[in-house]
Amino acid sequence: MRALGGASELSRAGMLEAPVHWPRPSRLRRPLKPGGGRATRGLAALGIDTVESLLEHLPRDRREARAIARLAPGEQATIAVEVATIAARA
């Protein structure tokens, strides 16, 4: 496994020793600054007005819910996953 943005190999010990950084609550509560009218209207309709609310938003419409493996290449989708384990491959 390689370090994010690096070319060097990252060992298991290196991964376990890596610092964990949590975002500052004040940064999560910052208001969003969408670029255009359509994005602004869409976010307002969903009640999304901060970085935190955007990160926590999951679509409520589950009519088209399906397994990740069934997504087509290039298809845009919102996914929710839980990482159960992480293992390095040789």
PDB file of N, CA and C in Angstrom:
ATOM      1  N   MET A   1       0.861  -1.169   0.000  1.00  0.00           N
ATOM      2  CA  MET A   1       0.000   0.000   0.000  1.00  0.00           C
ATOM      3  C   MET A   1       0.907   1.231   0.000  1.00  0.00           C
ATOM      4  N   ARG A   2       0.482   2.217  -0.738  1.00  0.00           N
ATOM      5  CA  ARG A   2       1.263   3.453  -0.828  1.00  0.00           C
ATOM      6  C   ARG A   2       0.591   4.563  -0.018  1.00  0.00           C
ATOM      7  N   ALA A   3       1.414   5.455   0.470  1.00  0.00           N
ATOM      8  CA  ALA A   3       0.905   6.608   1.201  1.00  0.00           C
ATOM      9  C   ALA A   3       0.153   7.514   0.229  1.00  0.00           C
ATOM     10  N   LEU A   4      -0.899   8.155   0.694  1.00  0.00           N
ATOM     11  CA  LEU A   4      -1.691   9.049  -0.142  1.00  0.00           C
ATOM     12  C   LEU A   4      -0.808  10.163  -0.680  1.00  0.00           C
ATOM     13  N   GLY A   5      -0.778  10.284  -1.973  1.00  0.00           N
ATOM     14  CA  GLY A   5       0.007  11.329  -2.607  1.00  0.00           C
ATOM     15  C   GLY A   5       1.498  11.054  -2.611  1.00  0.00           C
ATOM     16  N   GLY A   6       1.909   9.852  -2.283  1.00  0.00           N
ATOM     17  CA  GLY A   6       3.332   9.531  -2.247  1.00  0.00           C
ATOM     18  C   GLY A   6       3.645   8.284  -3.041  1.00  0.00           C
ATOM     19  N   ALA A   7       4.910   8.092  -3.302  1.00  0.00           N
ATOM     20  CA  ALA A   7       5.332   6.929  -4.069  1.00  0.00           C
ATOM     21  C   ALA A   7       5.896   5.840  -3.166  1.00  0.00           C
ATOM     22  N   SER A   8       6.150   6.163  -1.911  1.00  0.00           N
ATOM     23  CA  SER A   8       6.767   5.185  -1.018  1.00  0.00           C
ATOM     24  C   SER A   8       5.738   4.209  -0.458  1.00  0.00           C
ATOM     25  N   GLU A   9       6.204   2.983  -0.211  1.00  0.00           N
ATOM     26  CA  GLU A   9       5.350   1.964   0.386  1.00  0.00           C
ATOM     27  C   GLU A   9       5.059   2.332   1.834  1.00  0.00           C
ATOM     28  N   LEU A  10       3.868   2.033   2.287  1.00  0.00           N
ATOM     29  CA  LEU A  10       3.464   2.311   3.653  1.00  0.00           C
ATOM     30  C   LEU A  10       3.245   0.979   4.354  1.00  0.00           C
ATOM     31  N   SER A  11       4.021   0.740   5.395  1.00  0.00           N
ATOM     32  CA  SER A  11       3.924  -0.520   6.129  1.00  0.00           C
ATOM     33  C   SER A  11       2.716  -0.509   7.059  1.00  0.00           C
ATOM     34  N   ARG A  12       2.351  -1.691   7.551  1.00  0.00           N
ATOM     35  CA  ARG A  12       1.251  -1.787   8.510  1.00  0.00           C
ATOM     36  C   ARG A  12       1.556  -0.945   9.748  1.00  0.00           C
ATOM     37  N   ALA A  13       2.799  -1.039  10.229  1.00  0.00           N
ATOM     38  CA  ALA A  13       3.191  -0.252  11.403  1.00  0.00           C
ATOM     39  C   ALA A  13       3.066   1.242  11.104  1.00  0.00           C
ATOM     40  N   GLY A  14       3.450   1.624   9.907  1.00  0.00           N
ATOM     41  CA  GLY A  14       3.339   3.031   9.511  1.00  0.00           C
ATOM     42  C   GLY A  14       1.909   3.507   9.478  1.00  0.00           C
ATOM     43  N   MET A  15       1.009   2.626   8.998  1.00  0.00           N
ATOM     44  CA  MET A  15      -0.411   2.987   8.970  1.00  0.00           C
ATOM     45  C   MET A  15      -0.967   3.125  10.383  1.00  0.00           C
ATOM     46  N   LEU A  16      -0.564   2.214  11.270  1.00  0.00           N
ATOM     47  CA  LEU A  16      -1.064   2.264  12.645  1.00  0.00           C
ATOM     48  C   LEU A  16      -0.531   3.467  13.412  1.00  0.00           C
ATOM     49  N   GLU A  17       0.640   3.940  13.023  1.00  0.00           N
ATOM     50  CA  GLU A  17       1.250   5.085  13.701  1.00  0.00           C
ATOM     51  C   GLU A  17       0.833   6.424  13.100  1.00  0.00           C
ATOM     52  N   ALA A  18       0.148   6.386  11.965  1.00  0.00           N
ATOM     53  CA  ALA A  18      -0.231   7.623  11.290  1.00  0.00           C
ATOM     54  C   ALA A  18      -1.182   8.429  12.170  1.00  0.00           C
ATOM     55  N   PRO A  19      -0.991   9.726  12.236  1.00  0.00           N
ATOM     56  CA  PRO A  19      -1.884  10.550  13.058  1.00  0.00           C
ATOM     57  C   PRO A  19      -3.277  10.616  12.444  1.00  0.00           C
ATOM     58  N   VAL A  20      -4.270  10.673  13.290  1.00  0.00           N
ATOM     59  CA  VAL A  20      -5.656  10.833  12.853  1.00  0.00           C
ATOM     60  C   VAL A  20      -6.020  12.292  13.065  1.00  0.00           C
ATOM     61  N   HIS A  21      -6.524  12.914  12.032  1.00  0.00           N
ATOM     62  CA  HIS A  21      -6.911  14.320  12.111  1.00  0.00           C
ATOM     63  C   HIS A  21      -8.419  14.437  11.968  1.00  0.00           C
ATOM     64  N   TRP A  22      -9.045  15.052  12.916  1.00  0.00           N
ATOM     65  CA  TRP A  22     -10.479  15.299  12.862  1.00  0.00           C
ATOM     66  C   TRP A  22     -10.689  16.757  12.495  1.00  0.00           C
ATOM     67  N   PRO A  23     -11.668  17.048  11.658  1.00  0.00           N
ATOM     68  CA  PRO A  23     -11.909  18.447  11.304  1.00  0.00           C
ATOM     69  C   PRO A  23     -12.391  19.235  12.512  1.00  0.00           C
ATOM     70  N   ARG A  24     -12.024  20.474  12.529  1.00  0.00           N
ATOM     71  CA  ARG A  24     -12.486  21.358  13.597  1.00  0.00           C
ATOM     72  C   ARG A  24     -13.980  21.593  13.448  1.00  0.00           C
ATOM     73  N   PRO A  25     -14.733  21.498  14.545  1.00  0.00           N
ATOM     74  CA  PRO A  25     -16.178  21.741  14.449  1.00  0.00           C
ATOM     75  C   PRO A  25     -16.515  23.089  13.822  1.00  0.00           C
ATOM     76  N   SER A  26     -15.680  24.095  14.096  1.00  0.00           N
ATOM     77  CA  SER A  26     -15.963  25.416  13.529  1.00  0.00           C
ATOM     78  C   SER A  26     -15.885  25.400  12.006  1.00  0.00           C
ATOM     79  N   ARG A  27     -15.020  24.565  11.438  1.00  0.00           N
ATOM     80  CA  ARG A  27     -14.920  24.480   9.978  1.00  0.00           C
ATOM     81  C   ARG A  27     -16.096  23.717   9.387  1.00  0.00           C
ATOM     82  N   LEU A  28     -16.584  22.725  10.116  1.00  0.00           N
ATOM     83  CA  LEU A  28     -17.741  21.982   9.636  1.00  0.00           C
ATOM     84  C   LEU A  28     -18.995  22.846   9.631  1.00  0.00           C
ATOM     85  N   ARG A  29     -19.046  23.819  10.514  1.00  0.00           N
ATOM     86  CA  ARG A  29     -20.238  24.667  10.630  1.00  0.00           C
ATOM     87  C   ARG A  29     -20.190  25.900   9.716  1.00  0.00           C
ATOM     88  N   ARG A  30     -19.137  25.992   8.921  1.00  0.00           N
ATOM     89  CA  ARG A  30     -19.049  27.124   7.999  1.00  0.00           C
ATOM     90  C   ARG A  30     -20.155  27.034   6.955  1.00  0.00           C
ATOM     91  N   PRO A  31     -20.707  28.177   6.568  1.00  0.00           N
ATOM     92  CA  PRO A  31     -21.743  28.148   5.529  1.00  0.00           C
ATOM     93  C   PRO A  31     -21.147  27.746   4.179  1.00  0.00           C
ATOM     94  N   LEU A  32     -21.935  27.031   3.413  1.00  0.00           N
ATOM     95  CA  LEU A  32     -21.516  26.663   2.060  1.00  0.00           C
ATOM     96  C   LEU A  32     -21.589  27.882   1.163  1.00  0.00           C
ATOM     97  N   LYS A  33     -20.734  27.908   0.167  1.00  0.00           N
ATOM     98  CA  LYS A  33     -20.753  28.991  -0.809  1.00  0.00           C
ATOM     99  C   LYS A  33     -20.843  28.370  -2.199  1.00  0.00           C
ATOM    100  N   PRO A  34     -22.042  27.892  -2.579  1.00  0.00           N
ATOM    101  CA  PRO A  34     -22.183  27.270  -3.888  1.00  0.00           C
ATOM    102  C   PRO A  34     -21.920  28.268  -4.997  1.00  0.00           C
ATOM    103  N   GLY A  35     -21.494  27.753  -6.132  1.00  0.00           N
ATOM    104  CA  GLY A  35     -21.071  28.615  -7.223  1.00  0.00           C
ATOM    105  C   GLY A  35     -22.178  29.232  -8.059  1.00  0.00           C
ATOM    106  N   GLY A  36     -23.320  28.611  -8.136  1.00  0.00           N
ATOM    107  CA  GLY A  36     -24.330  29.146  -9.038  1.00  0.00           C
ATOM    108  C   GLY A  36     -25.730  29.044  -8.500  1.00  0.00           C
ATOM    109  N   GLY A  37     -26.664  29.642  -9.247  1.00  0.00           N
ATOM    110  CA  GLY A  37     -28.045  29.687  -8.828  1.00  0.00           C
ATOM    111  C   GLY A  37     -28.691  28.324  -8.696  1.00  0.00           C
ATOM    112  N   ARG A  38     -28.433  27.431  -9.644  1.00  0.00           N
ATOM    113  CA  ARG A  38     -29.042  26.105  -9.606  1.00  0.00           C
ATOM    114  C   ARG A  38     -28.562  25.320  -8.390  1.00  0.00           C
ATOM    115  N   ALA A  39     -27.258  25.339  -8.124  1.00  0.00           N
ATOM    116  CA  ALA A  39     -26.708  24.641  -6.954  1.00  0.00           C
ATOM    117  C   ALA A  39     -27.243  25.251  -5.666  1.00  0.00           C
ATOM    118  N   THR A  40     -27.313  26.565  -5.616  1.00  0.00           N
ATOM    119  CA  THR A  40     -27.819  27.255  -4.426  1.00  0.00           C
ATOM    120  C   THR A  40     -29.266  26.862  -4.150  1.00  0.00           C
ATOM    121  N   ARG A  41     -30.088  26.846  -5.196  1.00  0.00           N
ATOM    122  CA  ARG A  41     -31.498  26.471  -5.033  1.00  0.00           C
ATOM    123  C   ARG A  41     -31.643  25.013  -4.617  1.00  0.00           C
ATOM    124  N   GLY A  42     -30.862  24.124  -5.201  1.00  0.00           N
ATOM    125  CA  GLY A  42     -30.936  22.707  -4.865  1.00  0.00           C
ATOM    126  C   GLY A  42     -30.541  22.436  -3.429  1.00  0.00           C
ATOM    127  N   LEU A  43     -29.445  23.046  -2.996  1.00  0.00           N
ATOM    128  CA  LEU A  43     -28.992  22.870  -1.612  1.00  0.00           C
ATOM    129  C   LEU A  43     -30.013  23.446  -0.630  1.00  0.00           C
ATOM    130  N   ALA A  44     -30.574  24.596  -0.961  1.00  0.00           N
ATOM    131  CA  ALA A  44     -31.576  25.214  -0.078  1.00  0.00           C
ATOM    132  C   ALA A  44     -32.807  24.320   0.030  1.00  0.00           C
ATOM    133  N   ALA A  45     -33.224  23.715  -1.076  1.00  0.00           N
ATOM    134  CA  ALA A  45     -34.395  22.837  -1.061  1.00  0.00           C
ATOM    135  C   ALA A  45     -34.169  21.612  -0.176  1.00  0.00           C
ATOM    136  N   LEU A  46     -32.925  21.169  -0.084  1.00  0.00           N
ATOM    137  CA  LEU A  46     -32.588  20.017   0.751  1.00  0.00           C
ATOM    138  C   LEU A  46     -32.248  20.407   2.186  1.00  0.00           C
ATOM    139  N   GLY A  47     -32.199  21.710   2.468  1.00  0.00           N
ATOM    140  CA  GLY A  47     -31.855  22.162   3.813  1.00  0.00           C
ATOM    141  C   GLY A  47     -30.379  22.026   4.119  1.00  0.00           C
ATOM    142  N   ILE A  48     -29.555  22.021   3.086  1.00  0.00           N
ATOM    143  CA  ILE A  48     -28.110  21.884   3.255  1.00  0.00           C
ATOM    144  C   ILE A  48     -27.505  23.277   3.187  1.00  0.00           C
ATOM    145  N   ASP A  49     -26.948  23.726   4.323  1.00  0.00           N
ATOM    146  CA  ASP A  49     -26.405  25.076   4.348  1.00  0.00           C
ATOM    147  C   ASP A  49     -25.001  25.166   4.949  1.00  0.00           C
ATOM    148  N   THR A  50     -24.474  24.057   5.469  1.00  0.00           N
ATOM    149  CA  THR A  50     -23.117  24.048   6.024  1.00  0.00           C
ATOM    150  C   THR A  50     -22.333  22.873   5.443  1.00  0.00           C
ATOM    151  N   VAL A  51     -21.023  22.916   5.623  1.00  0.00           N
ATOM    152  CA  VAL A  51     -20.169  21.808   5.192  1.00  0.00           C
ATOM    153  C   VAL A  51     -20.610  20.525   5.898  1.00  0.00           C
ATOM    154  N   GLU A  52     -20.912  20.613   7.176  1.00  0.00           N
ATOM    155  CA  GLU A  52     -21.338  19.455   7.955  1.00  0.00           C
ATOM    156  C   GLU A  52     -22.623  18.845   7.400  1.00  0.00           C
ATOM    157  N   SER A  53     -23.605  19.675   7.110  1.00  0.00           N
ATOM    158  CA  SER A  53     -24.873  19.139   6.607  1.00  0.00           C
ATOM    159  C   SER A  53     -24.693  18.508   5.222  1.00  0.00           C
ATOM    160  N   LEU A  54     -23.767  19.018   4.431  1.00  0.00           N
ATOM    161  CA  LEU A  54     -23.492  18.419   3.128  1.00  0.00           C
ATOM    162  C   LEU A  54     -22.846  17.045   3.283  1.00  0.00           C
ATOM    163  N   LEU A  55     -21.881  16.933   4.188  1.00  0.00           N
ATOM    164  CA  LEU A  55     -21.191  15.660   4.394  1.00  0.00           C
ATOM    165  C   LEU A  55     -22.115  14.601   4.991  1.00  0.00           C
ATOM    166  N   GLU A  56     -23.089  15.025   5.772  1.00  0.00           N
ATOM    167  CA  GLU A  56     -23.996  14.086   6.427  1.00  0.00           C
ATOM    168  C   GLU A  56     -25.220  13.739   5.587  1.00  0.00           C
ATOM    169  N   HIS A  57     -25.396  14.410   4.471  1.00  0.00           N
ATOM    170  CA  HIS A  57     -26.604  14.206   3.662  1.00  0.00           C
ATOM    171  C   HIS A  57     -26.553  12.870   2.917  1.00  0.00           C
ATOM    172  N   LEU A  58     -27.603  12.105   3.073  1.00  0.00           N
ATOM    173  CA  LEU A  58     -27.815  10.899   2.270  1.00  0.00           C
ATOM    174  C   LEU A  58     -29.166  11.049   1.587  1.00  0.00           C
ATOM    175  N   PRO A  59     -29.222  10.726   0.313  1.00  0.00           N
ATOM    176  CA  PRO A  59     -30.513  10.840  -0.383  1.00  0.00           C
ATOM    177  C   PRO A  59     -31.584   9.988   0.289  1.00  0.00           C
ATOM    178  N   ARG A  60     -32.797  10.490   0.318  1.00  0.00           N
ATOM    179  CA  ARG A  60     -33.897   9.753   0.930  1.00  0.00           C
ATOM    180  C   ARG A  60     -34.605   8.840  -0.072  1.00  0.00           C
ATOM    181  N   ASP A  61     -34.464   9.123  -1.352  1.00  0.00           N
ATOM    182  CA  ASP A  61     -35.125   8.328  -2.382  1.00  0.00           C
ATOM    183  C   ASP A  61     -34.341   7.037  -2.590  1.00  0.00           C
ATOM    184  N   ARG A  62     -34.929   5.936  -2.193  1.00  0.00           N
ATOM    185  CA  ARG A  62     -34.234   4.652  -2.291  1.00  0.00           C
ATOM    186  C   ARG A  62     -34.844   3.754  -3.367  1.00  0.00           C
ATOM    187  N   ARG A  63     -35.644   4.327  -4.250  1.00  0.00           N
ATOM    188  CA  ARG A  63     -36.282   3.528  -5.300  1.00  0.00           C
ATOM    189  C   ARG A  63     -35.262   2.859  -6.204  1.00  0.00           C
ATOM    190  N   GLU A  64     -34.133   3.494  -6.415  1.00  0.00           N
ATOM    191  CA  GLU A  64     -33.135   2.938  -7.314  1.00  0.00           C
ATOM    192  C   GLU A  64     -31.935   2.387  -6.551  1.00  0.00           C
ATOM    193  N   ALA A  65     -32.106   2.074  -5.277  1.00  0.00           N
ATOM    194  CA  ALA A  65     -30.997   1.534  -4.491  1.00  0.00           C
ATOM    195  C   ALA A  65     -30.577   0.188  -5.069  1.00  0.00           C
ATOM    196  N   ARG A  66     -29.255  -0.007  -5.178  1.00  0.00           N
ATOM    197  CA  ARG A  66     -28.718  -1.270  -5.674  1.00  0.00           C
ATOM    198  C   ARG A  66     -27.289  -1.448  -5.198  1.00  0.00           C
ATOM    199  N   ALA A  67     -26.757  -2.617  -5.381  1.00  0.00           N
ATOM    200  CA  ALA A  67     -25.398  -2.929  -4.947  1.00  0.00           C
ATOM    201  C   ALA A  67     -24.386  -2.117  -5.762  1.00  0.00           C
ATOM    202  N   ILE A  68     -23.264  -1.796  -5.140  1.00  0.00           N
ATOM    203  CA  ILE A  68     -22.213  -1.028  -5.817  1.00  0.00           C
ATOM    204  C   ILE A  68     -21.756  -1.748  -7.078  1.00  0.00           C
ATOM    205  N   ALA A  69     -21.686  -3.076  -7.026  1.00  0.00           N
ATOM    206  CA  ALA A  69     -21.231  -3.864  -8.170  1.00  0.00           C
ATOM    207  C   ALA A  69     -22.145  -3.684  -9.386  1.00  0.00           C
ATOM    208  N   ARG A  70     -23.358  -3.228  -9.175  1.00  0.00           N
ATOM    209  CA  ARG A  70     -24.302  -3.062 -10.280  1.00  0.00           C
ATOM    210  C   ARG A  70     -24.247  -1.668 -10.900  1.00  0.00           C
ATOM    211  N   LEU A  71     -23.394  -0.787 -10.378  1.00  0.00           N
ATOM    212  CA  LEU A  71     -23.244   0.538 -10.978  1.00  0.00           C
ATOM    213  C   LEU A  71     -22.471   0.414 -12.289  1.00  0.00           C
ATOM    214  N   ALA A  72     -22.830   1.222 -13.264  1.00  0.00           N
ATOM    215  CA  ALA A  72     -22.144   1.212 -14.551  1.00  0.00           C
ATOM    216  C   ALA A  72     -20.926   2.132 -14.498  1.00  0.00           C
ATOM    217  N   PRO A  73     -19.868   1.819 -15.261  1.00  0.00           N
ATOM    218  CA  PRO A  73     -18.703   2.707 -15.311  1.00  0.00           C
ATOM    219  C   PRO A  73     -19.125   4.115 -15.740  1.00  0.00           C
ATOM    220  N   GLY A  74     -18.666   5.109 -14.996  1.00  0.00           N
ATOM    221  CA  GLY A  74     -18.988   6.500 -15.293  1.00  0.00           C
ATOM    222  C   GLY A  74     -20.296   6.980 -14.702  1.00  0.00           C
ATOM    223  N   GLU A  75     -21.077   6.076 -14.132  1.00  0.00           N
ATOM    224  CA  GLU A  75     -22.359   6.458 -13.527  1.00  0.00           C
ATOM    225  C   GLU A  75     -22.122   7.195 -12.223  1.00  0.00           C
ATOM    226  N   GLN A  76     -22.855   8.267 -11.990  1.00  0.00           N
ATOM    227  CA  GLN A  76     -22.740   9.016 -10.740  1.00  0.00           C
ATOM    228  C   GLN A  76     -23.729   8.447  -9.739  1.00  0.00           C
ATOM    229  N   ALA A  77     -23.260   8.279  -8.503  1.00  0.00           N
ATOM    230  CA  ALA A  77     -24.128   7.731  -7.468  1.00  0.00           C
ATOM    231  C   ALA A  77     -23.617   8.157  -6.103  1.00  0.00           C
ATOM    232  N   THR A  78     -24.509   8.185  -5.143  1.00  0.00           N
ATOM    233  CA  THR A  78     -24.135   8.389  -3.747  1.00  0.00           C
ATOM    234  C   THR A  78     -24.107   7.014  -3.114  1.00  0.00           C
ATOM    235  N   ILE A  79     -23.001   6.700  -2.440  1.00  0.00           N
ATOM    236  CA  ILE A  79     -22.904   5.382  -1.820  1.00  0.00           C
ATOM    237  C   ILE A  79     -22.659   5.524  -0.329  1.00  0.00           C
ATOM    238  N   ALA A  80     -23.152   4.575   0.420  1.00  0.00           N
ATOM    239  CA  ALA A  80     -22.918   4.510   1.857  1.00  0.00           C
ATOM    240  C   ALA A  80     -22.310   3.143   2.136  1.00  0.00           C
ATOM    241  N   VAL A  81     -21.129   3.140   2.731  1.00  0.00           N
ATOM    242  CA  VAL A  81     -20.445   1.889   3.020  1.00  0.00           C
ATOM    243  C   VAL A  81     -19.912   1.903   4.438  1.00  0.00           C
ATOM    244  N   GLU A  82     -19.658   0.715   4.956  1.00  0.00           N
ATOM    245  CA  GLU A  82     -18.986   0.572   6.238  1.00  0.00           C
ATOM    246  C   GLU A  82     -17.757  -0.296   6.004  1.00  0.00           C
ATOM    247  N   VAL A  83     -16.580   0.229   6.334  1.00  0.00           N
ATOM    248  CA  VAL A  83     -15.350  -0.529   6.176  1.00  0.00           C
ATOM    249  C   VAL A  83     -15.221  -1.463   7.358  1.00  0.00           C
ATOM    250  N   ALA A  84     -15.293  -2.754   7.100  1.00  0.00           N
ATOM    251  CA  ALA A  84     -15.220  -3.746   8.179  1.00  0.00           C
ATOM    252  C   ALA A  84     -13.771  -4.093   8.528  1.00  0.00           C
ATOM    253  N   THR A  85     -12.946  -4.280   7.520  1.00  0.00           N
ATOM    254  CA  THR A  85     -11.533  -4.578   7.760  1.00  0.00           C
ATOM    255  C   THR A  85     -10.704  -3.945   6.649  1.00  0.00           C
ATOM    256  N   ILE A  86      -9.440  -3.743   6.955  1.00  0.00           N
ATOM    257  CA  ILE A  86      -8.478  -3.246   5.974  1.00  0.00           C
ATOM    258  C   ILE A  86      -7.283  -4.174   6.024  1.00  0.00           C
ATOM    259  N   ALA A  87      -6.893  -4.688   4.895  1.00  0.00           N
ATOM    260  CA  ALA A  87      -5.739  -5.577   4.832  1.00  0.00           C
ATOM    261  C   ALA A  87      -4.899  -5.196   3.622  1.00  0.00           C
ATOM    262  N   ALA A  88      -3.606  -5.307   3.787  1.00  0.00           N
ATOM    263  CA  ALA A  88      -2.691  -5.030   2.666  1.00  0.00           C
ATOM    264  C   ALA A  88      -2.606  -6.249   1.784  1.00  0.00           C
ATOM    265  N   ARG A  89      -2.564  -6.028   0.483  1.00  0.00           N
ATOM    266  CA  ARG A  89      -2.395  -7.116  -0.473  1.00  0.00           C
ATOM    267  C   ARG A  89      -0.949  -7.179  -0.898  1.00  0.00           C
ATOM    268  N   ALA A  90      -0.457  -8.380  -1.079  1.00  0.00           N
ATOM    269  CA  ALA A  90       0.934  -8.566  -1.498  1.00  0.00           C
ATOM    270  C   ALA A  90       1.058  -8.481  -2.992  1.00  0.00           C
TER     271      ALA A  90
END
